[in-house]
N, C-alpha and C. Protein backbone atom coordinates (compact mmCIF):
# COMPACT_ATOMS: atom_id res chain seq x y z
N MET A 1 1.80 38.76 15.83
CA MET A 1 1.78 37.23 16.18
C MET A 1 1.16 37.30 17.80
N THR A 2 0.50 36.28 17.79
CA THR A 2 -0.10 36.38 19.09
C THR A 2 1.05 34.97 20.07
N ILE A 3 0.92 34.66 21.14
CA ILE A 3 1.73 33.53 21.63
C ILE A 3 0.70 32.18 21.10
N SER A 4 -0.51 32.44 21.26
CA SER A 4 -1.35 31.13 20.86
C SER A 4 -1.07 30.96 19.39
N GLN A 5 -0.93 31.81 18.52
CA GLN A 5 -0.49 31.53 17.15
C GLN A 5 0.37 30.67 16.94
N PHE A 6 2.12 31.34 17.71
CA PHE A 6 2.98 30.43 17.79
C PHE A 6 2.73 29.18 18.04
N LEU A 7 2.06 28.92 18.89
CA LEU A 7 1.81 27.62 19.73
C LEU A 7 1.28 26.63 18.65
N VAL A 8 -0.12 27.02 18.14
CA VAL A 8 -0.37 26.14 17.09
C VAL A 8 0.39 25.79 15.67
N VAL A 9 1.70 26.92 15.36
CA VAL A 9 2.30 26.47 13.97
C VAL A 9 3.46 25.53 14.51
N PHE A 10 3.77 25.84 15.92
CA PHE A 10 4.66 24.95 16.77
C PHE A 10 4.43 23.38 16.60
N LEU A 11 2.94 23.50 17.48
CA LEU A 11 2.31 21.98 17.62
C LEU A 11 2.23 21.53 15.93
N GLY A 12 1.58 22.11 15.04
CA GLY A 12 1.55 21.75 13.86
C GLY A 12 2.83 21.46 13.27
N GLY A 13 3.57 22.11 12.97
CA GLY A 13 5.13 21.59 12.49
C GLY A 13 5.55 20.66 13.12
N GLY A 14 5.18 20.26 14.54
CA GLY A 14 5.55 19.29 15.11
C GLY A 14 5.62 17.74 14.47
N LEU A 15 3.83 17.84 14.45
CA LEU A 15 3.19 16.87 14.01
C LEU A 15 3.84 16.53 12.41
N GLY A 16 3.87 17.74 11.62
CA GLY A 16 4.17 17.62 10.35
C GLY A 16 5.18 16.84 10.46
N SER A 17 6.21 17.18 10.96
CA SER A 17 7.70 16.64 10.99
C SER A 17 7.73 15.00 11.46
N THR A 18 7.12 14.77 11.87
CA THR A 18 6.95 13.77 12.71
C THR A 18 6.62 12.82 11.57
N LEU A 19 5.46 13.24 10.69
CA LEU A 19 4.47 12.49 9.76
C LEU A 19 5.72 12.11 8.46
N ARG A 20 6.64 13.19 8.58
CA ARG A 20 7.41 12.90 7.11
C ARG A 20 8.31 12.02 7.35
N TYR A 21 8.58 11.79 8.90
CA TYR A 21 9.99 10.87 9.03
C TYR A 21 9.19 9.69 9.18
N ALA A 22 8.14 9.61 9.75
CA ALA A 22 7.64 8.36 9.41
C ALA A 22 7.27 7.67 8.11
N MET A 23 6.99 8.50 7.11
CA MET A 23 7.53 8.21 5.80
C MET A 23 8.26 8.21 5.33
N GLY A 24 9.46 8.72 5.81
CA GLY A 24 10.57 8.26 5.18
C GLY A 24 11.07 6.82 5.65
N GLN A 25 10.98 7.11 7.20
CA GLN A 25 10.84 5.35 7.43
C GLN A 25 10.14 4.19 6.98
N MET A 26 8.96 4.38 6.26
CA MET A 26 8.52 3.83 5.88
C MET A 26 8.78 3.10 4.15
N LEU A 27 9.07 4.07 3.78
CA LEU A 27 9.55 4.11 2.46
C LEU A 27 11.16 3.83 2.41
N ALA A 28 11.82 3.64 3.58
CA ALA A 28 13.49 3.40 2.92
C ALA A 28 13.51 2.61 2.36
N GLY A 29 14.46 2.59 1.80
CA GLY A 29 15.17 1.71 0.50
C GLY A 29 14.00 1.42 -1.06
N GLN A 30 12.80 2.20 -0.98
CA GLN A 30 12.19 2.24 -2.04
C GLN A 30 12.09 3.36 -2.71
N THR A 31 13.49 3.71 -2.94
CA THR A 31 14.19 4.19 -4.13
C THR A 31 13.78 3.75 -5.45
N ARG A 32 13.74 4.67 -6.42
CA ARG A 32 13.76 3.90 -7.74
C ARG A 32 15.00 4.49 -8.65
N GLY A 33 16.00 3.98 -8.16
CA GLY A 33 16.99 4.34 -9.45
C GLY A 33 18.00 5.35 -8.99
N GLY A 34 17.72 5.58 -7.57
CA GLY A 34 17.95 7.09 -6.77
C GLY A 34 17.51 7.93 -6.62
N PHE A 35 15.78 7.66 -7.23
CA PHE A 35 14.95 9.02 -6.82
C PHE A 35 14.50 9.02 -5.43
N PRO A 36 14.82 10.25 -4.67
CA PRO A 36 13.86 10.27 -3.18
C PRO A 36 12.43 10.14 -3.72
N LEU A 37 12.06 8.98 -3.54
CA LEU A 37 10.89 8.81 -3.25
C LEU A 37 9.81 9.24 -2.33
N ALA A 38 10.25 9.29 -1.03
CA ALA A 38 9.97 9.66 0.19
C ALA A 38 9.55 11.43 0.01
N THR A 39 10.67 12.14 -0.27
CA THR A 39 10.75 13.13 -0.33
C THR A 39 9.74 14.01 -1.37
N PHE A 40 9.83 13.18 -2.22
CA PHE A 40 8.97 13.37 -3.56
C PHE A 40 7.33 13.45 -2.93
N LEU A 41 7.06 12.20 -2.29
CA LEU A 41 5.68 12.07 -2.03
C LEU A 41 5.00 12.96 -0.69
N CYS A 42 5.98 13.49 -0.06
CA CYS A 42 5.86 14.18 1.19
C CYS A 42 5.25 15.70 0.31
N ASN A 43 6.27 16.12 -0.57
CA ASN A 43 5.88 16.95 -1.29
C ASN A 43 4.63 17.64 -2.11
N VAL A 44 4.63 16.65 -2.83
CA VAL A 44 3.18 16.34 -3.40
C VAL A 44 2.10 16.32 -2.55
N GLY A 45 1.88 15.42 -1.60
CA GLY A 45 0.96 15.14 -0.79
C GLY A 45 0.70 16.23 0.14
N GLY A 46 2.03 16.84 0.69
CA GLY A 46 1.55 18.16 1.39
C GLY A 46 1.14 19.58 0.64
N CYS A 47 1.67 19.43 -0.40
CA CYS A 47 0.82 20.23 -1.73
C CYS A 47 -0.67 20.23 -1.77
N PHE A 48 -1.21 19.18 -2.34
CA PHE A 48 -2.67 18.79 -1.47
C PHE A 48 -3.31 19.29 -1.06
N LEU A 49 -2.39 18.77 0.11
CA LEU A 49 -3.11 19.27 1.74
C LEU A 49 -3.21 20.41 2.22
N ILE A 50 -2.33 21.51 1.96
CA ILE A 50 -2.40 22.70 1.76
C ILE A 50 -3.52 23.31 0.95
N GLY A 51 -3.67 22.84 -0.27
CA GLY A 51 -4.84 23.26 -1.10
C GLY A 51 -5.90 23.01 -0.38
N LEU A 52 -6.13 21.51 0.07
CA LEU A 52 -7.48 21.09 0.71
C LEU A 52 -7.83 21.78 1.72
N PHE A 53 -6.77 22.26 3.12
CA PHE A 53 -7.08 22.67 4.06
C PHE A 53 -7.27 24.24 4.13
N SER A 54 -6.74 25.02 2.99
CA SER A 54 -6.76 26.54 2.53
C SER A 54 -8.38 26.52 2.30
N ALA A 55 -8.66 25.82 1.45
CA ALA A 55 -10.13 25.98 0.88
C ALA A 55 -10.90 25.35 1.95
N LEU A 56 -10.87 24.86 2.84
CA LEU A 56 -11.53 24.16 3.52
C LEU A 56 -12.26 25.14 4.76
N THR A 57 -10.78 25.56 5.27
CA THR A 57 -10.69 26.27 6.45
C THR A 57 -12.01 27.58 5.88
N VAL A 58 -11.41 28.10 5.14
CA VAL A 58 -12.58 29.52 4.70
C VAL A 58 -13.69 29.12 4.43
N ARG A 59 -13.74 27.88 3.56
CA ARG A 59 -15.65 27.27 3.21
C ARG A 59 -16.06 27.16 4.69
N LEU A 60 -15.98 26.34 5.61
CA LEU A 60 -16.39 25.86 6.50
C LEU A 60 -16.09 26.92 7.68
N GLY A 61 -15.84 27.96 7.46
CA GLY A 61 -15.47 29.23 8.86
C GLY A 61 -14.85 28.72 9.84
N TRP A 62 -13.98 28.21 9.81
CA TRP A 62 -12.67 27.89 10.90
C TRP A 62 -11.68 28.74 11.55
N SER A 63 -11.58 29.22 12.39
CA SER A 63 -10.81 30.46 12.86
C SER A 63 -9.70 30.21 12.14
N PRO A 64 -9.01 31.46 12.40
CA PRO A 64 -7.65 31.65 11.95
C PRO A 64 -6.32 30.34 12.36
N GLN A 65 -6.50 30.10 13.55
CA GLN A 65 -6.21 29.26 14.62
C GLN A 65 -5.98 28.00 13.62
N TRP A 66 -7.14 27.60 13.25
CA TRP A 66 -6.86 26.33 12.26
C TRP A 66 -6.24 26.60 11.32
N ARG A 67 -6.55 27.42 10.86
CA ARG A 67 -5.85 27.62 9.50
C ARG A 67 -4.56 27.26 9.26
N LEU A 68 -3.66 28.19 10.42
CA LEU A 68 -2.62 28.31 10.90
C LEU A 68 -1.82 26.72 11.18
N LEU A 69 -2.56 26.26 12.10
CA LEU A 69 -2.54 24.97 12.38
C LEU A 69 -2.20 23.91 11.46
N LEU A 70 -2.90 23.87 10.40
CA LEU A 70 -2.86 22.94 9.21
C LEU A 70 -2.23 23.57 7.89
N THR A 71 -2.03 24.64 7.94
CA THR A 71 -1.38 25.13 6.30
C THR A 71 0.07 25.20 6.95
N VAL A 72 0.24 26.34 7.67
CA VAL A 72 1.74 26.63 8.39
C VAL A 72 2.54 25.66 9.11
N GLY A 73 1.79 25.16 10.06
CA GLY A 73 2.25 24.32 10.97
C GLY A 73 2.35 22.90 10.20
N LEU A 74 1.14 22.06 10.30
CA LEU A 74 0.91 21.03 9.45
C LEU A 74 2.00 20.47 8.51
N CYS A 75 1.51 21.34 7.33
CA CYS A 75 1.91 21.36 5.84
C CYS A 75 3.33 21.67 5.68
N GLY A 76 3.61 22.74 6.50
CA GLY A 76 4.75 23.08 6.65
C GLY A 76 5.90 22.48 7.19
N GLY A 77 5.48 21.36 8.36
CA GLY A 77 6.59 20.47 8.89
C GLY A 77 6.38 19.39 7.91
N PHE A 78 5.52 19.24 7.26
CA PHE A 78 5.54 17.73 6.23
C PHE A 78 6.02 17.60 4.95
N THR A 79 6.15 19.19 4.48
CA THR A 79 6.95 19.06 2.85
C THR A 79 8.44 19.26 3.56
N THR A 80 9.17 19.14 2.02
CA THR A 80 10.11 19.31 2.56
C THR A 80 10.98 19.78 1.43
N PHE A 81 11.18 21.04 1.40
CA PHE A 81 11.71 21.62 0.34
C PHE A 81 12.90 21.76 0.46
N SER A 82 13.83 21.81 1.74
CA SER A 82 14.85 22.08 2.06
C SER A 82 15.72 20.57 1.57
N THR A 83 14.96 19.17 2.19
CA THR A 83 15.44 18.23 1.53
C THR A 83 15.40 17.91 0.01
N LEU A 84 14.33 18.65 -0.41
CA LEU A 84 14.57 18.29 -2.03
C LEU A 84 15.67 19.24 -2.97
N THR A 85 15.98 19.87 -2.22
CA THR A 85 17.37 21.00 -3.10
C THR A 85 18.49 19.78 -2.37
N ASN A 86 18.13 19.29 -1.20
CA ASN A 86 19.89 18.88 -1.14
C ASN A 86 19.89 17.67 -1.50
N ASP A 87 18.59 16.94 -2.07
CA ASP A 87 18.45 15.75 -2.84
C ASP A 87 19.08 16.15 -4.22
N SER A 88 18.81 17.53 -4.57
CA SER A 88 19.00 17.83 -5.97
C SER A 88 20.27 18.41 -6.69
N LEU A 89 21.07 18.37 -5.05
CA LEU A 89 22.50 18.91 -5.22
C LEU A 89 23.39 17.97 -5.17
N ALA A 90 22.79 16.58 -4.56
CA ALA A 90 23.62 15.38 -4.39
C ALA A 90 23.44 14.55 -5.74
N MET A 91 22.44 15.12 -6.84
CA MET A 91 22.36 14.05 -7.93
C MET A 91 23.25 15.03 -9.18
N LEU A 92 23.04 16.56 -8.55
CA LEU A 92 23.79 17.71 -9.48
C LEU A 92 25.53 17.30 -9.39
N GLN A 93 25.57 16.82 -8.11
CA GLN A 93 27.07 16.67 -8.15
C GLN A 93 27.35 14.94 -8.82
N SER A 94 26.59 14.51 -8.68
CA SER A 94 27.10 12.91 -8.65
C SER A 94 26.89 12.76 -10.48
N GLY A 95 26.15 14.01 -11.01
CA GLY A 95 26.38 13.75 -12.58
C GLY A 95 24.81 13.16 -13.28
N ALA A 96 24.09 12.91 -11.96
CA ALA A 96 22.58 12.36 -12.85
C ALA A 96 22.02 13.46 -13.17
N TYR A 97 22.16 14.14 -14.27
CA TYR A 97 21.15 15.15 -14.62
C TYR A 97 19.78 14.80 -15.36
N GLY A 98 19.74 13.94 -15.72
CA GLY A 98 18.25 13.50 -16.53
C GLY A 98 17.76 12.92 -15.45
N MET A 99 17.84 12.50 -14.06
CA MET A 99 17.10 11.93 -12.86
C MET A 99 17.06 13.48 -12.03
N LEU A 100 18.06 14.05 -12.04
CA LEU A 100 17.77 15.71 -11.44
C LEU A 100 16.76 16.51 -12.20
N ALA A 101 16.68 16.62 -13.43
CA ALA A 101 15.79 17.01 -14.21
C ALA A 101 14.05 16.98 -14.06
N LEU A 102 14.12 15.14 -13.85
CA LEU A 102 13.29 14.79 -13.84
C LEU A 102 12.41 14.97 -12.81
N TYR A 103 13.42 15.03 -11.44
CA TYR A 103 13.10 15.52 -10.19
C TYR A 103 12.51 16.35 -9.85
N MET A 104 13.21 17.45 -10.37
CA MET A 104 12.92 19.00 -10.21
C MET A 104 11.49 19.42 -10.85
N VAL A 105 11.45 19.10 -12.26
CA VAL A 105 10.57 19.47 -12.87
C VAL A 105 9.08 18.24 -12.43
N GLY A 106 9.38 17.29 -11.84
CA GLY A 106 8.27 16.32 -11.50
C GLY A 106 7.56 17.04 -10.24
N SER A 107 8.47 17.44 -9.37
CA SER A 107 7.99 17.93 -8.34
C SER A 107 7.13 19.37 -8.20
N LEU A 108 7.55 20.33 -9.19
CA LEU A 108 6.93 21.37 -9.02
C LEU A 108 5.73 21.30 -9.82
N ALA A 109 5.23 20.51 -11.19
CA ALA A 109 4.36 20.09 -11.60
C ALA A 109 3.58 19.39 -10.61
N ALA A 110 4.26 18.14 -10.14
CA ALA A 110 2.97 17.41 -9.54
C ALA A 110 2.30 18.29 -8.34
N GLY A 111 3.59 19.06 -7.50
CA GLY A 111 2.77 19.75 -6.29
C GLY A 111 2.02 20.84 -6.70
N LEU A 112 2.02 21.66 -7.89
CA LEU A 112 1.14 22.71 -8.39
C LEU A 112 -0.18 21.73 -9.03
N LEU A 113 -0.21 20.89 -9.30
CA LEU A 113 -1.25 19.84 -9.81
C LEU A 113 -2.02 19.59 -8.77
N ALA A 114 -1.42 18.80 -7.46
CA ALA A 114 -2.11 18.64 -6.31
C ALA A 114 -2.76 19.81 -5.55
N VAL A 115 -2.10 21.04 -5.40
CA VAL A 115 -2.47 22.12 -4.79
C VAL A 115 -3.90 22.41 -5.46
N TRP A 116 -4.20 22.36 -6.73
CA TRP A 116 -5.16 22.94 -7.49
C TRP A 116 -6.28 21.44 -7.17
N VAL A 117 -6.15 20.32 -7.40
CA VAL A 117 -6.65 19.17 -7.28
C VAL A 117 -7.08 19.59 -5.26
N GLY A 118 -6.31 19.61 -4.73
CA GLY A 118 -6.64 20.28 -3.23
C GLY A 118 -7.93 21.36 -3.49
N HIS A 119 -7.98 22.21 -3.74
CA HIS A 119 -9.03 23.27 -3.63
C HIS A 119 -10.26 22.66 -4.57
N SER A 120 -10.01 22.08 -5.63
CA SER A 120 -11.13 21.40 -6.57
C SER A 120 -11.76 20.43 -5.36
N VAL A 121 -11.35 19.90 -4.70
CA VAL A 121 -12.11 18.89 -3.95
C VAL A 121 -12.58 19.26 -2.67
N ALA A 122 -11.99 20.77 -2.12
CA ALA A 122 -12.59 21.42 -0.77
C ALA A 122 -13.68 21.90 -1.39
């Protein structure tokens, strides 16, 4: 990798992380029965965006730098798999097994669907 590739991933990641933080702040207190809504929405939204950007950058012939910026950087910073697993552990430890199952299955199923829709839209 070149220094410019590292820089575009760095810039996209910073922007994605900032957007994820903003989403968390906007939805603070919006949990439904302990369901981590902000994390769920970031992951599903990020899955849609990575599908959209992956397809669009190829279809429109954008440079590999743009693809790195948008997919690895922006979407990588915006999605929160580490937070998803941390939230899941907390549910497991508190005995919220039904909520844990809903969250894990829902996150994966909705994420897969969102990637497919993003590709389809592009």
